[in-house]
PDB file of N, CA and C in Angstrom:
ATOM      1  N   MET A   1      45.988  20.417 -16.656  1.00  0.00           N
ATOM      2  CA  MET A   1      45.875  21.392 -15.599  1.00  0.00           C
ATOM      3  C   MET A   1      44.455  21.435 -15.022  1.00  0.00           C
ATOM      4  N   SER A   2      43.448  21.375 -15.886  1.00  0.00           N
ATOM      5  CA  SER A   2      42.078  21.442 -15.396  1.00  0.00           C
ATOM      6  C   SER A   2      41.733  20.229 -14.527  1.00  0.00           C
ATOM      7  N   HIS A   3      42.366  19.080 -14.803  1.00  0.00           N
ATOM      8  CA  HIS A   3      42.136  17.900 -13.976  1.00  0.00           C
ATOM      9  C   HIS A   3      42.599  18.163 -12.544  1.00  0.00           C
ATOM     10  N   CYS A   4      43.774  18.784 -12.375  1.00  0.00           N
ATOM     11  CA  CYS A   4      44.279  19.089 -11.037  1.00  0.00           C
ATOM     12  C   CYS A   4      43.363  20.071 -10.316  1.00  0.00           C
ATOM     13  N   THR A   5      42.876  21.054 -11.018  1.00  0.00           N
ATOM     14  CA  THR A   5      41.983  22.034 -10.418  1.00  0.00           C
ATOM     15  C   THR A   5      40.671  21.377  -9.998  1.00  0.00           C
ATOM     16  N   ALA A   6      40.129  20.541 -10.837  1.00  0.00           N
ATOM     17  CA  ALA A   6      38.883  19.850 -10.500  1.00  0.00           C
ATOM     18  C   ALA A   6      39.094  18.925  -9.306  1.00  0.00           C
ATOM     19  N   LEU A   7      40.218  18.242  -9.289  1.00  0.00           N
ATOM     20  CA  LEU A   7      40.528  17.366  -8.159  1.00  0.00           C
ATOM     21  C   LEU A   7      40.670  18.182  -6.880  1.00  0.00           C
ATOM     22  N   GLY A   8      41.338  19.324  -6.980  1.00  0.00           N
ATOM     23  CA  GLY A   8      41.499  20.197  -5.819  1.00  0.00           C
ATOM     24  C   GLY A   8      40.177  20.695  -5.284  1.00  0.00           C
ATOM     25  N   ARG A   9      39.274  21.039  -6.178  1.00  0.00           N
ATOM     26  CA  ARG A   9      37.948  21.509  -5.747  1.00  0.00           C
ATOM     27  C   ARG A   9      37.183  20.418  -5.016  1.00  0.00           C
ATOM     28  N   ARG A  10      37.386  19.179  -5.407  1.00  0.00           N
ATOM     29  CA  ARG A  10      36.691  18.077  -4.730  1.00  0.00           C
ATOM     30  C   ARG A  10      37.354  17.718  -3.409  1.00  0.00           C
ATOM     31  N   LEU A  11      38.681  17.803  -3.352  1.00  0.00           N
ATOM     32  CA  LEU A  11      39.394  17.383  -2.150  1.00  0.00           C
ATOM     33  C   LEU A  11      39.429  18.443  -1.059  1.00  0.00           C
ATOM     34  N   CYS A  12      39.444  19.706  -1.426  1.00  0.00           N
ATOM     35  CA  CYS A  12      39.550  20.770  -0.429  1.00  0.00           C
ATOM     36  C   CYS A  12      38.463  20.667   0.641  1.00  0.00           C
ATOM     37  N   PRO A  13      37.204  20.589   0.264  1.00  0.00           N
ATOM     38  CA  PRO A  13      36.186  20.465   1.311  1.00  0.00           C
ATOM     39  C   PRO A  13      36.339  19.193   2.147  1.00  0.00           C
ATOM     40  N   LEU A  14      36.832  18.140   1.533  1.00  0.00           N
ATOM     41  CA  LEU A  14      36.977  16.876   2.250  1.00  0.00           C
ATOM     42  C   LEU A  14      38.156  16.884   3.217  1.00  0.00           C
ATOM     43  N   LEU A  15      39.190  17.675   2.914  1.00  0.00           N
ATOM     44  CA  LEU A  15      40.399  17.682   3.735  1.00  0.00           C
ATOM     45  C   LEU A  15      40.503  18.908   4.634  1.00  0.00           C
ATOM     46  N   ILE A  16      40.281  20.069   4.077  1.00  0.00           N
ATOM     47  CA  ILE A  16      40.508  21.309   4.814  1.00  0.00           C
ATOM     48  C   ILE A  16      39.382  21.619   5.791  1.00  0.00           C
ATOM     49  N   VAL A  17      38.161  21.502   5.366  1.00  0.00           N
ATOM     50  CA  VAL A  17      37.039  21.889   6.224  1.00  0.00           C
ATOM     51  C   VAL A  17      36.986  21.063   7.511  1.00  0.00           C
ATOM     52  N   PRO A  18      37.112  19.734   7.463  1.00  0.00           N
ATOM     53  CA  PRO A  18      37.118  18.980   8.725  1.00  0.00           C
ATOM     54  C   PRO A  18      38.287  19.370   9.637  1.00  0.00           C
ATOM     55  N   TRP A  19      39.467  19.590   9.062  1.00  0.00           N
ATOM     56  CA  TRP A  19      40.611  20.006   9.877  1.00  0.00           C
ATOM     57  C   TRP A  19      40.326  21.351  10.526  1.00  0.00           C
ATOM     58  N   TYR A  20      39.829  22.301   9.736  1.00  0.00           N
ATOM     59  CA  TYR A  20      39.569  23.652  10.234  1.00  0.00           C
ATOM     60  C   TYR A  20      38.533  23.633  11.353  1.00  0.00           C
ATOM     61  N   ASN A  21      37.474  22.858  11.209  1.00  0.00           N
ATOM     62  CA  ASN A  21      36.393  22.836  12.196  1.00  0.00           C
ATOM     63  C   ASN A  21      36.692  21.973  13.414  1.00  0.00           C
ATOM     64  N   ASP A  22      37.410  20.861  13.221  1.00  0.00           N
ATOM     65  CA  ASP A  22      37.555  19.875  14.289  1.00  0.00           C
ATOM     66  C   ASP A  22      38.929  19.814  14.939  1.00  0.00           C
ATOM     67  N   ASP A  23      39.975  20.284  14.256  1.00  0.00           N
ATOM     68  CA  ASP A  23      41.333  20.135  14.792  1.00  0.00           C
ATOM     69  C   ASP A  23      42.046  21.453  15.058  1.00  0.00           C
ATOM     70  N   HIS A  24      41.828  22.439  14.223  1.00  0.00           N
ATOM     71  CA  HIS A  24      42.554  23.705  14.340  1.00  0.00           C
ATOM     72  C   HIS A  24      42.026  24.521  15.512  1.00  0.00           C
ATOM     73  N   ARG A  25      42.928  24.861  16.425  1.00  0.00           N
ATOM     74  CA  ARG A  25      42.546  25.660  17.587  1.00  0.00           C
ATOM     75  C   ARG A  25      42.769  27.131  17.268  1.00  0.00           C
ATOM     76  N   HIS A  26      41.699  27.919  17.340  1.00  0.00           N
ATOM     77  CA  HIS A  26      41.732  29.315  16.937  1.00  0.00           C
ATOM     78  C   HIS A  26      42.026  30.220  18.130  1.00  0.00           C
ATOM     79  N   SER A  27      42.960  31.142  17.954  1.00  0.00           N
ATOM     80  CA  SER A  27      43.268  32.078  19.037  1.00  0.00           C
ATOM     81  C   SER A  27      42.061  32.957  19.354  1.00  0.00           C
ATOM     82  N   GLY A  28      41.263  33.283  18.360  1.00  0.00           N
ATOM     83  CA  GLY A  28      40.068  34.095  18.584  1.00  0.00           C
ATOM     84  C   GLY A  28      38.957  33.363  19.309  1.00  0.00           C
ATOM     85  N   LEU A  29      39.099  32.046  19.460  1.00  0.00           N
ATOM     86  CA  LEU A  29      38.115  31.236  20.186  1.00  0.00           C
ATOM     87  C   LEU A  29      38.708  30.678  21.470  1.00  0.00           C
ATOM     88  N   GLY A  30      39.706  31.355  22.025  1.00  0.00           N
ATOM     89  CA  GLY A  30      40.321  30.869  23.262  1.00  0.00           C
ATOM     90  C   GLY A  30      41.078  29.567  23.064  1.00  0.00           C
ATOM     91  N   LEU A  31      41.645  29.371  21.883  1.00  0.00           N
ATOM     92  CA  LEU A  31      42.357  28.146  21.498  1.00  0.00           C
ATOM     93  C   LEU A  31      41.453  26.915  21.520  1.00  0.00           C
ATOM     94  N   LEU A  32      40.206  27.124  21.187  1.00  0.00           N
ATOM     95  CA  LEU A  32      39.256  26.026  21.021  1.00  0.00           C
ATOM     96  C   LEU A  32      38.974  25.853  19.537  1.00  0.00           C
ATOM     97  N   THR A  33      38.416  24.720  19.166  1.00  0.00           N
ATOM     98  CA  THR A  33      38.032  24.507  17.772  1.00  0.00           C
ATOM     99  C   THR A  33      36.620  25.061  17.554  1.00  0.00           C
ATOM    100  N   PRO A  34      36.290  25.424  16.321  1.00  0.00           N
ATOM    101  CA  PRO A  34      34.932  25.880  16.057  1.00  0.00           C
ATOM    102  C   PRO A  34      33.873  24.839  16.442  1.00  0.00           C
ATOM    103  N   ALA A  35      34.170  23.568  16.239  1.00  0.00           N
ATOM    104  CA  ALA A  35      33.200  22.521  16.581  1.00  0.00           C
ATOM    105  C   ALA A  35      32.935  22.483  18.084  1.00  0.00           C
ATOM    106  N   VAL A  36      33.970  22.622  18.896  1.00  0.00           N
ATOM    107  CA  VAL A  36      33.795  22.610  20.354  1.00  0.00           C
ATOM    108  C   VAL A  36      32.887  23.758  20.780  1.00  0.00           C
ATOM    109  N   VAL A  37      33.108  24.931  20.214  1.00  0.00           N
ATOM    110  CA  VAL A  37      32.292  26.094  20.563  1.00  0.00           C
ATOM    111  C   VAL A  37      30.867  25.921  20.036  1.00  0.00           C
ATOM    112  N   HIS A  38      30.741  25.504  18.790  1.00  0.00           N
ATOM    113  CA  HIS A  38      29.420  25.378  18.155  1.00  0.00           C
ATOM    114  C   HIS A  38      28.523  24.382  18.890  1.00  0.00           C
ATOM    115  N   PHE A  39      29.080  23.262  19.292  1.00  0.00           N
ATOM    116  CA  PHE A  39      28.268  22.222  19.927  1.00  0.00           C
ATOM    117  C   PHE A  39      28.134  22.393  21.441  1.00  0.00           C
ATOM    118  N   GLY A  40      28.652  23.506  21.979  1.00  0.00           N
ATOM    119  CA  GLY A  40      28.466  23.818  23.390  1.00  0.00           C
ATOM    120  C   GLY A  40      29.373  23.069  24.342  1.00  0.00           C
ATOM    121  N   ASP A  41      30.467  22.510  23.844  1.00  0.00           N
ATOM    122  CA  ASP A  41      31.386  21.752  24.689  1.00  0.00           C
ATOM    123  C   ASP A  41      32.492  22.615  25.296  1.00  0.00           C
ATOM    124  N   ALA A  42      32.493  23.905  25.023  1.00  0.00           N
ATOM    125  CA  ALA A  42      33.563  24.783  25.505  1.00  0.00           C
ATOM    126  C   ALA A  42      33.714  24.751  27.033  1.00  0.00           C
ATOM    127  N   PRO A  43      32.641  24.828  27.816  1.00  0.00           N
ATOM    128  CA  PRO A  43      32.824  24.803  29.274  1.00  0.00           C
ATOM    129  C   PRO A  43      33.524  23.526  29.772  1.00  0.00           C
ATOM    130  N   ILE A  44      33.210  22.403  29.174  1.00  0.00           N
ATOM    131  CA  ILE A  44      33.836  21.138  29.567  1.00  0.00           C
ATOM    132  C   ILE A  44      35.315  21.154  29.221  1.00  0.00           C
ATOM    133  N   VAL A  45      35.633  21.572  28.013  1.00  0.00           N
ATOM    134  CA  VAL A  45      37.039  21.609  27.569  1.00  0.00           C
ATOM    135  C   VAL A  45      37.831  22.601  28.415  1.00  0.00           C
ATOM    136  N   LEU A  46      37.257  23.763  28.688  1.00  0.00           N
ATOM    137  CA  LEU A  46      37.964  24.756  29.499  1.00  0.00           C
ATOM    138  C   LEU A  46      38.165  24.274  30.938  1.00  0.00           C
ATOM    139  N   ALA A  47      37.205  23.556  31.483  1.00  0.00           N
ATOM    140  CA  ALA A  47      37.364  23.001  32.837  1.00  0.00           C
ATOM    141  C   ALA A  47      38.475  21.959  32.865  1.00  0.00           C
ATOM    142  N   ARG A  48      38.517  21.095  31.867  1.00  0.00           N
ATOM    143  CA  ARG A  48      39.598  20.100  31.788  1.00  0.00           C
ATOM    144  C   ARG A  48      40.950  20.778  31.615  1.00  0.00           C
ATOM    145  N   ARG A  49      40.965  21.822  30.796  1.00  0.00           N
ATOM    146  CA  ARG A  49      42.210  22.566  30.579  1.00  0.00           C
ATOM    147  C   ARG A  49      42.687  23.191  31.885  1.00  0.00           C
ATOM    148  N   GLN A  50      41.753  23.708  32.693  1.00  0.00           N
ATOM    149  CA  GLN A  50      42.120  24.312  33.977  1.00  0.00           C
ATOM    150  C   GLN A  50      42.726  23.280  34.914  1.00  0.00           C
ATOM    151  N   VAL A  51      42.218  22.052  34.908  1.00  0.00           N
ATOM    152  CA  VAL A  51      42.778  20.977  35.734  1.00  0.00           C
ATOM    153  C   VAL A  51      44.235  20.737  35.355  1.00  0.00           C
ATOM    154  N   VAL A  52      44.523  20.688  34.069  1.00  0.00           N
ATOM    155  CA  VAL A  52      45.898  20.472  33.610  1.00  0.00           C
ATOM    156  C   VAL A  52      46.783  21.652  34.010  1.00  0.00           C
ATOM    157  N   LEU A  53      46.281  22.866  33.845  1.00  0.00           N
ATOM    158  CA  LEU A  53      47.062  24.048  34.214  1.00  0.00           C
ATOM    159  C   LEU A  53      47.323  24.098  35.716  1.00  0.00           C
ATOM    160  N   ASP A  54      46.331  23.720  36.509  1.00  0.00           N
ATOM    161  CA  ASP A  54      46.520  23.679  37.963  1.00  0.00           C
ATOM    162  C   ASP A  54      47.604  22.676  38.348  1.00  0.00           C
ATOM    163  N   ALA A  55      47.588  21.511  37.722  1.00  0.00           N
ATOM    164  CA  ALA A  55      48.612  20.496  38.004  1.00  0.00           C
ATOM    165  C   ALA A  55      49.994  20.995  37.609  1.00  0.00           C
ATOM    166  N   ALA A  56      50.080  21.679  36.482  1.00  0.00           N
ATOM    167  CA  ALA A  56      51.370  22.231  36.054  1.00  0.00           C
ATOM    168  C   ALA A  56      51.857  23.279  37.046  1.00  0.00           C
ATOM    169  N   TYR A  57      50.958  24.084  37.547  1.00  0.00           N
ATOM    170  CA  TYR A  57      51.337  25.118  38.515  1.00  0.00           C
ATOM    171  C   TYR A  57      51.808  24.504  39.829  1.00  0.00           C
ATOM    172  N   VAL A  58      51.120  23.473  40.300  1.00  0.00           N
ATOM    173  CA  VAL A  58      51.515  22.804  41.541  1.00  0.00           C
ATOM    174  C   VAL A  58      52.890  22.143  41.378  1.00  0.00           C
ATOM    175  N   ALA A  59      53.105  21.520  40.232  1.00  0.00           N
ATOM    176  CA  ALA A  59      54.364  20.815  39.990  1.00  0.00           C
ATOM    177  C   ALA A  59      55.539  21.767  39.785  1.00  0.00           C
ATOM    178  N   HIS A  60      55.294  22.897  39.132  1.00  0.00           N
ATOM    179  CA  HIS A  60      56.390  23.815  38.786  1.00  0.00           C
ATOM    180  C   HIS A  60      55.955  25.273  38.914  1.00  0.00           C
ATOM    181  N   PRO A  61      55.701  25.766  40.119  1.00  0.00           N
ATOM    182  CA  PRO A  61      55.240  27.150  40.270  1.00  0.00           C
ATOM    183  C   PRO A  61      56.270  28.171  39.787  1.00  0.00           C
ATOM    184  N   GLU A  62      57.519  27.792  39.769  1.00  0.00           N
ATOM    185  CA  GLU A  62      58.568  28.726  39.328  1.00  0.00           C
ATOM    186  C   GLU A  62      58.442  29.080  37.841  1.00  0.00           C
ATOM    187  N   ARG A  63      57.734  28.289  37.091  1.00  0.00           N
ATOM    188  CA  ARG A  63      57.553  28.566  35.657  1.00  0.00           C
ATOM    189  C   ARG A  63      56.490  29.632  35.400  1.00  0.00           C
ATOM    190  N   PHE A  64      55.724  29.959  36.428  1.00  0.00           N
ATOM    191  CA  PHE A  64      54.633  30.912  36.284  1.00  0.00           C
ATOM    192  C   PHE A  64      54.922  32.111  37.185  1.00  0.00           C
ATOM    193  N   VAL A  65      55.660  33.067  36.663  1.00  0.00           N
ATOM    194  CA  VAL A  65      56.198  34.146  37.487  1.00  0.00           C
ATOM    195  C   VAL A  65      55.155  35.187  37.897  1.00  0.00           C
ATOM    196  N   ARG A  66      54.095  35.355  37.129  1.00  0.00           N
ATOM    197  CA  ARG A  66      53.121  36.406  37.447  1.00  0.00           C
ATOM    198  C   ARG A  66      51.956  35.901  38.299  1.00  0.00           C
ATOM    199  N   HIS A  67      51.392  34.760  37.902  1.00  0.00           N
ATOM    200  CA  HIS A  67      50.218  34.228  38.611  1.00  0.00           C
ATOM    201  C   HIS A  67      49.958  32.807  38.122  1.00  0.00           C
ATOM    202  N   ALA A  68      49.046  32.155  38.803  1.00  0.00           N
ATOM    203  CA  ALA A  68      48.652  30.807  38.369  1.00  0.00           C
ATOM    204  C   ALA A  68      48.005  30.908  36.989  1.00  0.00           C
ATOM    205  N   PRO A  69      48.246  29.933  36.134  1.00  0.00           N
ATOM    206  CA  PRO A  69      47.704  30.009  34.772  1.00  0.00           C
ATOM    207  C   PRO A  69      46.206  29.752  34.713  1.00  0.00           C
ATOM    208  N   VAL A  70      45.573  30.386  33.760  1.00  0.00           N
ATOM    209  CA  VAL A  70      44.150  30.169  33.489  1.00  0.00           C
ATOM    210  C   VAL A  70      43.977  30.036  31.975  1.00  0.00           C
ATOM    211  N   PRO A  71      42.991  29.273  31.527  1.00  0.00           N
ATOM    212  CA  PRO A  71      42.742  29.171  30.089  1.00  0.00           C
ATOM    213  C   PRO A  71      42.322  30.521  29.505  1.00  0.00           C
ATOM    214  N   LEU A  72      42.551  30.693  28.228  1.00  0.00           N
ATOM    215  CA  LEU A  72      42.065  31.900  27.562  1.00  0.00           C
ATOM    216  C   LEU A  72      40.544  31.924  27.652  1.00  0.00           C
ATOM    217  N   PRO A  73      39.965  33.096  27.833  1.00  0.00           N
ATOM    218  CA  PRO A  73      38.502  33.164  27.933  1.00  0.00           C
ATOM    219  C   PRO A  73      37.834  32.938  26.584  1.00  0.00           C
ATOM    220  N   LEU A  74      36.642  32.425  26.638  1.00  0.00           N
ATOM    221  CA  LEU A  74      35.828  32.248  25.443  1.00  0.00           C
ATOM    222  C   LEU A  74      35.176  33.591  25.129  1.00  0.00           C
ATOM    223  N   PRO A  75      35.306  34.082  23.897  1.00  0.00           N
ATOM    224  CA  PRO A  75      34.682  35.372  23.583  1.00  0.00           C
ATOM    225  C   PRO A  75      33.160  35.275  23.634  1.00  0.00           C
ATOM    226  N   SER A  76      32.517  36.398  23.916  1.00  0.00           N
ATOM    227  CA  SER A  76      31.056  36.388  24.001  1.00  0.00           C
ATOM    228  C   SER A  76      30.411  36.326  22.616  1.00  0.00           C
ATOM    229  N   THR A  77      31.064  36.913  21.608  1.00  0.00           N
ATOM    230  CA  THR A  77      30.575  36.841  20.235  1.00  0.00           C
ATOM    231  C   THR A  77      31.756  36.626  19.298  1.00  0.00           C
ATOM    232  N   VAL A  78      31.496  35.984  18.196  1.00  0.00           N
ATOM    233  CA  VAL A  78      32.521  35.735  17.187  1.00  0.00           C
ATOM    234  C   VAL A  78      31.905  35.999  15.823  1.00  0.00           C
ATOM    235  N   TRP A  79      32.634  36.687  14.974  1.00  0.00           N
ATOM    236  CA  TRP A  79      32.130  37.023  13.648  1.00  0.00           C
ATOM    237  C   TRP A  79      33.152  36.651  12.593  1.00  0.00           C
ATOM    238  N   ILE A  80      32.672  36.190  11.455  1.00  0.00           N
ATOM    239  CA  ILE A  80      33.527  36.082  10.283  1.00  0.00           C
ATOM    240  C   ILE A  80      33.469  37.430   9.566  1.00  0.00           C
ATOM    241  N   ASN A  81      32.280  37.926   9.336  1.00  0.00           N
ATOM    242  CA  ASN A  81      32.056  39.251   8.766  1.00  0.00           C
ATOM    243  C   ASN A  81      31.035  39.951   9.645  1.00  0.00           C
ATOM    244  N   LYS A  82      31.522  40.754  10.584  1.00  0.00           N
ATOM    245  CA  LYS A  82      30.629  41.425  11.516  1.00  0.00           C
ATOM    246  C   LYS A  82      29.743  42.425  10.771  1.00  0.00           C
ATOM    247  N   PRO A  83      28.430  42.359  10.988  1.00  0.00           N
ATOM    248  CA  PRO A  83      27.531  43.302  10.324  1.00  0.00           C
ATOM    249  C   PRO A  83      27.818  44.741  10.773  1.00  0.00           C
ATOM    250  N   ARG A  84      27.685  45.658   9.849  1.00  0.00           N
ATOM    251  CA  ARG A  84      27.858  47.072  10.192  1.00  0.00           C
ATOM    252  C   ARG A  84      26.624  47.541  10.949  1.00  0.00           C
ATOM    253  N   PRO A  85      26.787  48.565  11.769  1.00  0.00           N
ATOM    254  CA  PRO A  85      25.611  49.118  12.467  1.00  0.00           C
ATOM    255  C   PRO A  85      24.573  49.610  11.465  1.00  0.00           C
ATOM    256  N   ALA A  86      23.319  49.634  11.877  1.00  0.00           N
ATOM    257  CA  ALA A  86      22.219  50.043  10.992  1.00  0.00           C
ATOM    258  C   ALA A  86      22.444  51.442  10.457  1.00  0.00           C
ATOM    259  N   ALA A  87      22.995  52.349  11.245  1.00  0.00           N
ATOM    260  CA  ALA A  87      23.230  53.729  10.790  1.00  0.00           C
ATOM    261  C   ALA A  87      24.182  53.742   9.607  1.00  0.00           C
ATOM    262  N   ALA A  88      25.211  52.930   9.636  1.00  0.00           N
ATOM    263  CA  ALA A  88      26.169  52.874   8.531  1.00  0.00           C
ATOM    264  C   ALA A  88      25.503  52.312   7.277  1.00  0.00           C
ATOM    265  N   ARG A  89      24.648  51.325   7.437  1.00  0.00           N
ATOM    266  CA  ARG A  89      23.947  50.760   6.279  1.00  0.00           C
ATOM    267  C   ARG A  89      22.981  51.773   5.675  1.00  0.00           C
ATOM    268  N   THR A  90      22.286  52.539   6.536  1.00  0.00           N
ATOM    269  CA  THR A  90      21.340  53.569   6.073  1.00  0.00           C
ATOM    270  C   THR A  90      22.083  54.637   5.290  1.00  0.00           C
ATOM    271  N   GLU A  91      23.226  55.077   5.782  1.00  0.00           N
ATOM    272  CA  GLU A  91      24.027  56.084   5.097  1.00  0.00           C
ATOM    273  C   GLU A  91      24.510  55.557   3.752  1.00  0.00           C
ATOM    274  N   GLU A  92      24.868  54.303   3.691  1.00  0.00           N
ATOM    275  CA  GLU A  92      25.322  53.698   2.439  1.00  0.00           C
ATOM    276  C   GLU A  92      24.201  53.669   1.404  1.00  0.00           C
ATOM    277  N   ILE A  93      22.967  53.412   1.830  1.00  0.00           N
ATOM    278  CA  ILE A  93      21.815  53.375   0.928  1.00  0.00           C
ATOM    279  C   ILE A  93      21.556  54.773   0.364  1.00  0.00           C
ATOM    280  N   ARG A  94      21.714  55.820   1.186  1.00  0.00           N
ATOM    281  CA  ARG A  94      21.455  57.193   0.738  1.00  0.00           C
ATOM    282  C   ARG A  94      22.415  57.611  -0.379  1.00  0.00           C
ATOM    283  N   GLN A  95      23.607  57.082  -0.355  1.00  0.00           N
ATOM    284  CA  GLN A  95      24.613  57.494  -1.353  1.00  0.00           C
ATOM    285  C   GLN A  95      24.359  56.792  -2.600  1.00  0.00           C
TER     286      GLN A  95
END
């Protein structure tokens, strides 16, 4: 059993982390990958995505009943663990 666990610990970073950073499109990042956002390629990817959406709209406007499609916006900030405001931290220290 310990052999499987040790193997898993070695393989997880090699398999999961590259997929998560380079292939998985996150809804919280406008369906972009973390690598695209981190390396500043988001504007290029979003512009290309808009070209595809525009072509789809021209070809089949009936599929878009409300308006022409646009890519999801890129959020201005993203957090894994958002820091608490300083006031909350100060109150926590007092207790």
